[in-house]
């Protein structure tokens, strides 16, 4: 009789086979947004996702979108220094105020 394998033995293989380890790494990078851009910018913009080498950032108004567009290469460089391997940042305007915690 064969005994069931323990979940801690199966789960790493499943995560790797579904390429979820890369997705987890990408999602972990989103957490660094505030550290990379600073508190002032993080009150007006937040990183929400990484998909296909694009960082998606929600901004609270077009003025901040324009400002961040000018800083895009600098932000990409900082993320890539952390191992993110990003090619672009996509900005999405979401009206309704700042993102203060």
Protein backbone atom coordinates (compact mmCIF):
# COMPACT_ATOMS: atom_id res chain seq x y z
CA UNK A 1 0.00 0.00 0.00
CA UNK A 2 1.26 3.43 -0.93
CA UNK A 3 0.95 6.22 1.62
CA UNK A 4 -0.14 9.71 0.62
CA UNK A 5 2.62 12.21 0.14
CA UNK A 6 2.82 15.08 2.59
CA UNK A 7 1.60 18.44 1.34
CA UNK A 8 4.94 20.12 2.10
CA UNK A 9 6.53 17.73 -0.41
CA UNK A 10 3.88 18.20 -3.10
CA UNK A 11 3.24 21.93 -2.92
CA UNK A 12 6.68 23.17 -4.06
CA UNK A 13 6.50 20.92 -7.15
CA UNK A 14 2.97 22.12 -7.99
CA UNK A 15 3.95 25.77 -7.58
CA UNK A 16 6.96 25.30 -9.85
CA UNK A 17 5.06 23.32 -12.47
CA UNK A 18 2.38 26.02 -12.72
CA UNK A 19 5.06 28.75 -12.83
CA UNK A 20 3.47 30.28 -9.73
CA UNK A 21 6.86 30.85 -8.13
CA UNK A 22 7.50 33.58 -10.70
CA UNK A 23 4.08 35.14 -10.09
CA UNK A 24 4.68 35.13 -6.33
CA UNK A 25 8.02 36.87 -6.91
CA UNK A 26 6.31 39.50 -9.07
CA UNK A 27 3.61 40.14 -6.48
CA UNK A 28 6.28 40.46 -3.81
CA UNK A 29 7.87 43.25 -5.86
CA UNK A 30 4.66 45.31 -5.66
CA UNK A 31 5.25 45.60 -1.91
CA UNK A 32 8.39 47.67 -2.56
CA UNK A 33 6.47 50.48 -4.29
CA UNK A 34 6.43 52.85 -1.32
CA UNK A 35 10.11 52.23 -0.55
CA UNK A 36 11.09 52.92 -4.15
CA UNK A 37 9.00 56.02 -4.88
CA UNK A 38 8.76 57.52 -1.40
CA UNK A 39 5.88 58.44 0.84
CA UNK A 40 4.75 61.56 -1.03
CA UNK A 41 4.26 59.74 -4.33
CA UNK A 42 2.72 56.73 -2.60
CA UNK A 43 -0.06 59.01 -1.34
CA UNK A 44 -1.08 59.58 -4.96
CA UNK A 45 -0.12 56.33 -6.68
CA UNK A 46 0.03 52.65 -5.82
CA UNK A 47 1.39 49.62 -7.61
CA UNK A 48 -1.30 46.99 -8.00
CA UNK A 49 0.10 44.24 -10.19
CA UNK A 50 2.90 42.97 -12.39
CA UNK A 51 1.94 41.07 -15.52
CA UNK A 52 4.00 40.19 -18.59
CA UNK A 53 6.89 42.45 -17.48
CA UNK A 54 4.55 45.43 -16.97
CA UNK A 55 4.03 47.15 -13.64
CA UNK A 56 0.48 48.45 -13.26
CA UNK A 57 0.13 51.59 -11.17
CA UNK A 58 -3.08 53.36 -10.17
CA UNK A 59 -2.78 57.15 -9.82
CA UNK A 60 -5.33 59.52 -8.33
CA UNK A 61 -5.19 62.21 -11.03
CA UNK A 62 -3.67 63.04 -14.44
CA UNK A 63 -1.10 65.41 -12.94
CA UNK A 64 0.49 62.59 -10.96
CA UNK A 65 0.26 60.34 -13.99
CA UNK A 66 2.30 62.89 -15.98
CA UNK A 67 4.84 63.27 -13.17
CA UNK A 68 5.29 59.52 -12.82
CA UNK A 69 5.61 59.14 -16.58
CA UNK A 70 8.66 61.43 -16.36
CA UNK A 71 10.07 59.26 -13.55
CA UNK A 72 9.24 55.96 -15.26
CA UNK A 73 12.79 54.98 -16.30
CA UNK A 74 14.16 55.76 -12.84
CA UNK A 75 11.40 53.69 -11.18
CA UNK A 76 11.91 50.79 -13.61
CA UNK A 77 15.64 50.81 -12.91
CA UNK A 78 15.08 50.61 -9.16
CA UNK A 79 12.62 47.73 -9.49
CA UNK A 80 14.92 45.88 -11.87
CA UNK A 81 17.83 46.29 -9.46
CA UNK A 82 15.69 44.30 -7.01
CA UNK A 83 15.26 41.55 -9.62
CA UNK A 84 11.87 42.47 -11.07
CA UNK A 85 12.80 42.31 -14.80
CA UNK A 86 10.22 44.93 -15.84
CA UNK A 87 9.95 46.53 -19.29
CA UNK A 88 7.23 49.13 -18.76
CA UNK A 89 4.88 50.83 -16.34
CA UNK A 90 1.20 51.21 -17.20
CA UNK A 91 -0.62 54.01 -15.42
CA UNK A 92 -4.34 53.89 -14.65
CA UNK A 93 -6.18 56.96 -13.40
CA UNK A 94 -8.58 56.26 -10.55
CA UNK A 95 -10.44 59.30 -9.35
CA UNK A 96 -11.44 59.60 -5.75
CA UNK A 97 -8.60 61.10 -3.75
CA UNK A 98 -5.28 60.03 -2.41
CA UNK A 99 -4.14 56.60 -1.25
CA UNK A 100 -3.10 57.60 2.26
CA UNK A 101 -3.20 54.75 4.73
